[in-house]
Amino acid sequence: MTTHKLTIKDLQLNVSIRGQGSPLLLLNDLGGLIRTFDPLRDELVDYRTITLDVPGVGKSQMPRWPMRLPRHADLIAEMLKQLGIDQVDVFGVSWGGALAQEFALRYPSMVRRLILAATSAGPKRSFLGKRA
């Protein structure tokens, strides 16, 4: 396993890469640390797994600006470019699933496959703006 400190848009991100093979980006739940997926990574020996501490979590730098999903997705795209990865499978759990969906919407050419667990695609549009 290799851990990197990457500087992306004035933020230092803590990134871990393990294994060989097809790249698989693992996005965890809100506040989850870089090691959250370690037991799963032990089983994924045929993949090059990539995990990170998102800004403000673990050993990644606290951002100086509000971090919403689009900004997180942009950071991930830049992180993958710095790592020389053009296309990746993405697995997202809970909040990480929401981030995975945002990343896939913003950067469809970078996503080979999208795997989601325990997440939501957001509220139905018919519910938006309705009052109880």
N, C-alpha and C. Protein backbone atom coordinates (compact mmCIF):
# COMPACT_ATOMS: atom_id res chain seq x y z
N MET A 1 0.85 -1.18 0.00
CA MET A 1 0.00 0.00 0.00
C MET A 1 0.89 1.24 0.00
N THR A 2 0.50 2.20 -0.82
CA THR A 2 1.23 3.45 -0.91
C THR A 2 0.30 4.58 -0.51
N THR A 3 0.76 5.44 0.39
CA THR A 3 -0.02 6.61 0.78
C THR A 3 0.66 7.84 0.21
N HIS A 4 -0.14 8.70 -0.40
CA HIS A 4 0.36 9.93 -1.02
C HIS A 4 -0.29 11.14 -0.38
N LYS A 5 0.45 12.23 -0.34
CA LYS A 5 -0.11 13.54 -0.03
C LYS A 5 -0.13 14.30 -1.35
N LEU A 6 -1.31 14.50 -1.90
CA LEU A 6 -1.45 15.23 -3.16
C LEU A 6 -1.98 16.62 -2.89
N THR A 7 -1.43 17.61 -3.56
CA THR A 7 -1.96 18.97 -3.46
C THR A 7 -2.84 19.23 -4.66
N ILE A 8 -4.12 19.48 -4.38
CA ILE A 8 -5.11 19.70 -5.42
C ILE A 8 -5.89 20.96 -5.06
N LYS A 9 -5.83 21.95 -5.92
CA LYS A 9 -6.55 23.22 -5.70
C LYS A 9 -6.28 23.77 -4.30
N ASP A 10 -5.01 23.85 -3.95
CA ASP A 10 -4.54 24.38 -2.67
C ASP A 10 -4.94 23.54 -1.46
N LEU A 11 -5.35 22.31 -1.66
CA LEU A 11 -5.69 21.41 -0.56
C LEU A 11 -4.79 20.19 -0.60
N GLN A 12 -4.31 19.77 0.58
CA GLN A 12 -3.56 18.52 0.65
C GLN A 12 -4.53 17.39 0.95
N LEU A 13 -4.52 16.37 0.08
CA LEU A 13 -5.37 15.20 0.26
C LEU A 13 -4.51 14.00 0.60
N ASN A 14 -4.98 13.20 1.56
CA ASN A 14 -4.34 11.96 1.93
C ASN A 14 -4.98 10.85 1.08
N VAL A 15 -4.18 10.21 0.23
CA VAL A 15 -4.68 9.22 -0.73
C VAL A 15 -3.89 7.92 -0.56
N SER A 16 -4.60 6.80 -0.60
CA SER A 16 -3.97 5.49 -0.48
C SER A 16 -4.25 4.66 -1.73
N ILE A 17 -3.21 4.01 -2.24
CA ILE A 17 -3.33 3.14 -3.41
C ILE A 17 -2.76 1.78 -3.05
N ARG A 18 -3.51 0.74 -3.38
CA ARG A 18 -3.07 -0.62 -3.05
C ARG A 18 -3.38 -1.55 -4.22
N GLY A 19 -2.45 -2.41 -4.56
CA GLY A 19 -2.69 -3.46 -5.53
C GLY A 19 -2.42 -3.08 -6.97
N GLN A 20 -2.71 -4.04 -7.83
CA GLN A 20 -2.51 -3.91 -9.28
C GLN A 20 -3.84 -4.22 -9.96
N GLY A 21 -3.91 -3.95 -11.25
CA GLY A 21 -5.10 -4.28 -12.01
C GLY A 21 -5.96 -3.06 -12.28
N SER A 22 -7.22 -3.32 -12.60
CA SER A 22 -8.15 -2.23 -12.92
C SER A 22 -8.32 -1.32 -11.71
N PRO A 23 -8.31 0.01 -11.93
CA PRO A 23 -8.47 0.93 -10.81
C PRO A 23 -9.91 0.94 -10.30
N LEU A 24 -10.04 0.91 -8.98
CA LEU A 24 -11.33 0.93 -8.30
C LEU A 24 -11.27 1.99 -7.20
N LEU A 25 -12.04 3.04 -7.37
CA LEU A 25 -12.11 4.12 -6.39
C LEU A 25 -13.17 3.78 -5.36
N LEU A 26 -12.80 3.77 -4.09
CA LEU A 26 -13.71 3.45 -2.99
C LEU A 26 -14.02 4.73 -2.22
N LEU A 27 -15.30 5.12 -2.21
CA LEU A 27 -15.73 6.34 -1.52
C LEU A 27 -16.60 5.95 -0.33
N ASN A 28 -16.14 6.32 0.87
CA ASN A 28 -16.83 5.88 2.08
C ASN A 28 -17.87 6.89 2.58
N ASP A 29 -18.45 6.54 3.71
CA ASP A 29 -19.49 7.37 4.31
C ASP A 29 -18.92 8.66 4.88
N LEU A 30 -19.79 9.57 5.22
CA LEU A 30 -19.39 10.87 5.74
C LEU A 30 -18.54 10.70 7.00
N GLY A 31 -17.37 11.28 6.99
CA GLY A 31 -16.48 11.20 8.14
C GLY A 31 -15.65 9.93 8.19
N GLY A 32 -15.85 9.02 7.24
CA GLY A 32 -15.07 7.79 7.20
C GLY A 32 -13.62 8.07 6.87
N LEU A 33 -12.73 7.31 7.45
CA LEU A 33 -11.30 7.52 7.26
C LEU A 33 -10.76 6.66 6.12
N ILE A 34 -9.56 6.97 5.71
CA ILE A 34 -8.91 6.29 4.60
C ILE A 34 -8.84 4.78 4.81
N ARG A 35 -8.78 4.33 6.04
CA ARG A 35 -8.65 2.90 6.33
C ARG A 35 -10.00 2.19 6.47
N THR A 36 -11.11 2.92 6.29
CA THR A 36 -12.44 2.32 6.44
C THR A 36 -12.60 1.07 5.59
N PHE A 37 -12.08 1.10 4.37
CA PHE A 37 -12.26 -0.01 3.44
C PHE A 37 -11.15 -1.07 3.53
N ASP A 38 -10.26 -0.99 4.49
CA ASP A 38 -9.14 -1.94 4.55
C ASP A 38 -9.58 -3.41 4.51
N PRO A 39 -10.60 -3.84 5.27
CA PRO A 39 -11.01 -5.25 5.18
C PRO A 39 -11.48 -5.64 3.77
N LEU A 40 -12.19 -4.76 3.10
CA LEU A 40 -12.63 -5.02 1.73
C LEU A 40 -11.44 -5.04 0.78
N ARG A 41 -10.53 -4.11 0.97
CA ARG A 41 -9.34 -4.04 0.11
C ARG A 41 -8.51 -5.31 0.21
N ASP A 42 -8.50 -5.94 1.39
CA ASP A 42 -7.77 -7.19 1.56
C ASP A 42 -8.30 -8.27 0.62
N GLU A 43 -9.58 -8.20 0.28
CA GLU A 43 -10.21 -9.19 -0.60
C GLU A 43 -10.11 -8.81 -2.08
N LEU A 44 -9.82 -7.57 -2.38
CA LEU A 44 -9.82 -7.08 -3.76
C LEU A 44 -8.41 -7.06 -4.35
N VAL A 45 -7.74 -8.19 -4.27
CA VAL A 45 -6.34 -8.26 -4.69
C VAL A 45 -6.15 -8.11 -6.19
N ASP A 46 -7.20 -8.31 -6.98
CA ASP A 46 -7.09 -8.18 -8.44
C ASP A 46 -7.35 -6.76 -8.92
N TYR A 47 -7.54 -5.84 -7.99
CA TYR A 47 -7.82 -4.44 -8.35
C TYR A 47 -6.77 -3.51 -7.77
N ARG A 48 -6.62 -2.39 -8.40
CA ARG A 48 -5.81 -1.29 -7.86
C ARG A 48 -6.80 -0.39 -7.14
N THR A 49 -6.90 -0.52 -5.82
CA THR A 49 -7.89 0.24 -5.05
C THR A 49 -7.32 1.59 -4.63
N ILE A 50 -8.19 2.59 -4.68
CA ILE A 50 -7.82 3.96 -4.33
C ILE A 50 -8.82 4.45 -3.30
N THR A 51 -8.32 4.90 -2.15
CA THR A 51 -9.16 5.51 -1.13
C THR A 51 -8.55 6.85 -0.74
N LEU A 52 -9.37 7.69 -0.11
CA LEU A 52 -8.86 8.99 0.31
C LEU A 52 -9.59 9.47 1.55
N ASP A 53 -8.92 10.32 2.30
CA ASP A 53 -9.57 11.12 3.33
C ASP A 53 -10.08 12.36 2.61
N VAL A 54 -11.40 12.56 2.58
CA VAL A 54 -11.92 13.75 1.92
C VAL A 54 -11.49 14.99 2.71
N PRO A 55 -11.52 16.17 2.12
CA PRO A 55 -11.09 17.38 2.82
C PRO A 55 -11.77 17.54 4.18
N GLY A 56 -10.93 17.82 5.18
CA GLY A 56 -11.43 18.02 6.54
C GLY A 56 -11.54 16.76 7.36
N VAL A 57 -11.17 15.61 6.80
CA VAL A 57 -11.28 14.33 7.49
C VAL A 57 -9.90 13.67 7.52
N GLY A 58 -9.60 12.99 8.63
CA GLY A 58 -8.34 12.26 8.74
C GLY A 58 -7.14 13.15 8.55
N LYS A 59 -6.24 12.74 7.64
CA LYS A 59 -5.01 13.48 7.41
C LYS A 59 -5.10 14.43 6.22
N SER A 60 -6.30 14.61 5.67
CA SER A 60 -6.47 15.60 4.60
C SER A 60 -6.73 16.97 5.22
N GLN A 61 -6.31 17.98 4.52
CA GLN A 61 -6.40 19.36 5.01
C GLN A 61 -7.85 19.84 5.10
N MET A 62 -8.11 20.67 6.10
CA MET A 62 -9.42 21.31 6.25
C MET A 62 -9.55 22.38 5.17
N PRO A 63 -10.64 22.37 4.40
CA PRO A 63 -10.80 23.39 3.34
C PRO A 63 -11.11 24.76 3.93
N ARG A 64 -10.78 25.78 3.15
CA ARG A 64 -11.06 27.16 3.56
C ARG A 64 -12.36 27.66 2.94
N TRP A 65 -13.03 26.83 2.19
CA TRP A 65 -14.27 27.22 1.52
C TRP A 65 -15.29 26.10 1.73
N PRO A 66 -16.57 26.39 1.54
CA PRO A 66 -17.59 25.34 1.69
C PRO A 66 -17.37 24.21 0.69
N MET A 67 -17.49 23.00 1.15
CA MET A 67 -17.30 21.83 0.29
C MET A 67 -18.64 21.14 0.06
N ARG A 68 -19.16 21.30 -1.13
CA ARG A 68 -20.38 20.61 -1.53
C ARG A 68 -19.99 19.51 -2.51
N LEU A 69 -20.95 18.66 -2.85
CA LEU A 69 -20.64 17.51 -3.71
C LEU A 69 -19.96 17.88 -5.03
N PRO A 70 -20.41 18.91 -5.76
CA PRO A 70 -19.71 19.23 -7.01
C PRO A 70 -18.23 19.53 -6.82
N ARG A 71 -17.89 20.24 -5.76
CA ARG A 71 -16.48 20.57 -5.50
C ARG A 71 -15.68 19.31 -5.14
N HIS A 72 -16.30 18.42 -4.36
CA HIS A 72 -15.64 17.15 -4.05
C HIS A 72 -15.39 16.35 -5.33
N ALA A 73 -16.39 16.31 -6.21
CA ALA A 73 -16.25 15.57 -7.47
C ALA A 73 -15.11 16.15 -8.32
N ASP A 74 -15.01 17.47 -8.35
CA ASP A 74 -13.92 18.12 -9.10
C ASP A 74 -12.56 17.75 -8.52
N LEU A 75 -12.46 17.70 -7.19
CA LEU A 75 -11.19 17.31 -6.55
C LEU A 75 -10.82 15.87 -6.90
N ILE A 76 -11.81 14.99 -6.91
CA ILE A 76 -11.54 13.59 -7.25
C ILE A 76 -11.06 13.47 -8.69
N ALA A 77 -11.69 14.20 -9.60
CA ALA A 77 -11.26 14.16 -11.01
C ALA A 77 -9.81 14.62 -11.13
N GLU A 78 -9.46 15.69 -10.44
CA GLU A 78 -8.09 16.19 -10.49
C GLU A 78 -7.13 15.21 -9.83
N MET A 79 -7.55 14.59 -8.72
CA MET A 79 -6.72 13.58 -8.05
C MET A 79 -6.40 12.44 -9.01
N LEU A 80 -7.43 11.93 -9.70
CA LEU A 80 -7.22 10.82 -10.63
C LEU A 80 -6.30 11.23 -11.77
N LYS A 81 -6.44 12.45 -12.26
CA LYS A 81 -5.55 12.94 -13.32
C LYS A 81 -4.11 12.98 -12.84
N GLN A 82 -3.90 13.46 -11.61
CA GLN A 82 -2.54 13.50 -11.06
C GLN A 82 -1.95 12.11 -10.91
N LEU A 83 -2.81 11.13 -10.65
CA LEU A 83 -2.35 9.75 -10.49
C LEU A 83 -2.21 9.03 -11.84
N GLY A 84 -2.55 9.71 -12.93
CA GLY A 84 -2.44 9.11 -14.25
C GLY A 84 -3.54 8.12 -14.57
N ILE A 85 -4.70 8.28 -13.94
CA ILE A 85 -5.83 7.37 -14.15
C ILE A 85 -6.88 8.08 -15.00
N ASP A 86 -7.14 7.54 -16.19
CA ASP A 86 -8.11 8.14 -17.10
C ASP A 86 -9.53 7.66 -16.86
N GLN A 87 -9.66 6.39 -16.44
CA GLN A 87 -10.98 5.80 -16.24
C GLN A 87 -10.92 4.86 -15.05
N VAL A 88 -12.02 4.84 -14.28
CA VAL A 88 -12.02 4.11 -13.02
C VAL A 88 -13.41 3.51 -12.76
N ASP A 89 -13.43 2.38 -12.08
CA ASP A 89 -14.68 1.88 -11.50
C ASP A 89 -14.85 2.62 -10.18
N VAL A 90 -16.08 2.97 -9.83
CA VAL A 90 -16.32 3.74 -8.61
C VAL A 90 -17.33 3.00 -7.74
N PHE A 91 -16.96 2.77 -6.48
CA PHE A 91 -17.85 2.15 -5.49
C PHE A 91 -18.08 3.17 -4.39
N GLY A 92 -19.35 3.53 -4.16
CA GLY A 92 -19.67 4.50 -3.13
C GLY A 92 -20.69 3.97 -2.14
N VAL A 93 -20.44 4.21 -0.86
CA VAL A 93 -21.33 3.78 0.22
C VAL A 93 -21.87 5.00 0.95
N SER A 94 -23.18 5.04 1.16
CA SER A 94 -23.84 6.10 1.91
C SER A 94 -23.51 7.46 1.28
N TRP A 95 -22.93 8.38 2.05
CA TRP A 95 -22.57 9.69 1.50
C TRP A 95 -21.60 9.53 0.34
N GLY A 96 -20.72 8.55 0.43
CA GLY A 96 -19.80 8.26 -0.67
C GLY A 96 -20.54 7.84 -1.94
N GLY A 97 -21.71 7.24 -1.78
CA GLY A 97 -22.54 6.91 -2.93
C GLY A 97 -23.10 8.14 -3.60
N ALA A 98 -23.49 9.13 -2.79
CA ALA A 98 -23.96 10.40 -3.35
C ALA A 98 -22.82 11.08 -4.11
N LEU A 99 -21.62 11.05 -3.52
CA LEU A 99 -20.45 11.64 -4.18
C LEU A 99 -20.12 10.87 -5.47
N ALA A 100 -20.23 9.56 -5.43
CA ALA A 100 -19.97 8.75 -6.62
C ALA A 100 -20.92 9.12 -7.75
N GLN A 101 -22.19 9.34 -7.42
CA GLN A 101 -23.17 9.74 -8.43
C GLN A 101 -22.84 11.11 -9.01
N GLU A 102 -22.47 12.04 -8.15
CA GLU A 102 -22.10 13.39 -8.61
C GLU A 102 -20.88 13.32 -9.52
N PHE A 103 -19.90 12.52 -9.13
CA PHE A 103 -18.70 12.36 -9.95
C PHE A 103 -19.06 11.78 -11.31
N ALA A 104 -19.92 10.75 -11.33
CA ALA A 104 -20.32 10.12 -12.59
C ALA A 104 -21.09 11.08 -13.49
N LEU A 105 -21.91 11.93 -12.90
CA LEU A 105 -22.67 12.92 -13.68
C LEU A 105 -21.75 13.99 -14.26
N ARG A 106 -20.77 14.43 -13.48
CA ARG A 106 -19.88 15.51 -13.93
C ARG A 106 -18.76 15.01 -14.85
N TYR A 107 -18.35 13.77 -14.67
CA TYR A 107 -17.21 13.22 -15.42
C TYR A 107 -17.55 11.83 -15.97
N PRO A 108 -18.57 11.71 -16.80
CA PRO A 108 -19.00 10.38 -17.27
C PRO A 108 -17.91 9.62 -18.03
N SER A 109 -17.04 10.32 -18.73
CA SER A 109 -16.00 9.62 -19.49
C SER A 109 -14.93 9.01 -18.58
N MET A 110 -14.88 9.43 -17.32
CA MET A 110 -13.90 8.89 -16.38
C MET A 110 -14.42 7.66 -15.63
N VAL A 111 -15.73 7.41 -15.71
CA VAL A 111 -16.35 6.32 -14.94
C VAL A 111 -16.65 5.15 -15.86
N ARG A 112 -15.99 4.03 -15.58
CA ARG A 112 -16.25 2.82 -16.36
C ARG A 112 -17.49 2.11 -15.81
N ARG A 113 -17.52 1.92 -14.49
CA ARG A 113 -18.67 1.30 -13.83
C ARG A 113 -18.94 2.04 -12.53
N LEU A 114 -20.21 2.10 -12.16
CA LEU A 114 -20.64 2.76 -10.93
C LEU A 114 -21.36 1.74 -10.06
N ILE A 115 -20.86 1.56 -8.84
CA ILE A 115 -21.44 0.60 -7.90
C ILE A 115 -21.87 1.39 -6.67
N LEU A 116 -23.14 1.27 -6.28
CA LEU A 116 -23.67 2.05 -5.16
C LEU A 116 -24.23 1.14 -4.08
N ALA A 117 -24.04 1.52 -2.82
CA ALA A 117 -24.58 0.76 -1.69
C ALA A 117 -25.07 1.73 -0.62
N ALA A 118 -26.24 1.44 -0.07
CA ALA A 118 -26.79 2.19 1.06
C ALA A 118 -26.77 3.69 0.82
N THR A 119 -27.26 4.10 -0.35
CA THR A 119 -27.25 5.52 -0.71
C THR A 119 -28.58 5.88 -1.36
N SER A 120 -28.70 7.10 -1.79
CA SER A 120 -29.92 7.59 -2.41
C SER A 120 -29.55 8.45 -3.61
N ALA A 121 -30.47 8.50 -4.56
CA ALA A 121 -30.28 9.39 -5.71
C ALA A 121 -30.86 10.77 -5.42
N GLY A 122 -31.33 10.99 -4.20
CA GLY A 122 -31.91 12.28 -3.83
C GLY A 122 -33.42 12.23 -3.87
N PRO A 123 -34.05 13.33 -3.47
CA PRO A 123 -35.52 13.36 -3.43
C PRO A 123 -36.12 13.36 -4.83
N LYS A 124 -37.34 12.84 -4.92
CA LYS A 124 -38.06 12.92 -6.19
C LYS A 124 -38.39 14.38 -6.46
N ARG A 125 -38.29 14.77 -7.70
CA ARG A 125 -38.59 16.15 -8.06
C ARG A 125 -40.01 16.54 -7.70
N SER A 126 -40.93 15.59 -7.72
CA SER A 126 -42.32 15.92 -7.41
C SER A 126 -42.49 16.38 -5.97
N PHE A 127 -41.53 16.02 -5.09
CA PHE A 127 -41.61 16.43 -3.70
C PHE A 127 -40.99 17.81 -3.45
N LEU A 128 -40.16 18.26 -4.36
CA LEU A 128 -39.48 19.54 -4.16
C LEU A 128 -40.48 20.68 -4.22
N GLY A 129 -40.40 21.56 -3.27
CA GLY A 129 -41.25 22.74 -3.27
C GLY A 129 -42.64 22.52 -2.70
N LYS A 130 -42.99 21.29 -2.32
CA LYS A 130 -44.31 21.04 -1.73
C LYS A 130 -44.26 21.35 -0.24
N ARG A 131 -45.37 21.80 0.25
CA ARG A 131 -45.48 22.07 1.69
C ARG A 131 -46.29 20.97 2.34
N ALA A 132 -45.98 20.72 3.58
CA ALA A 132 -46.70 19.68 4.33
C ALA A 132 -48.08 20.14 4.71
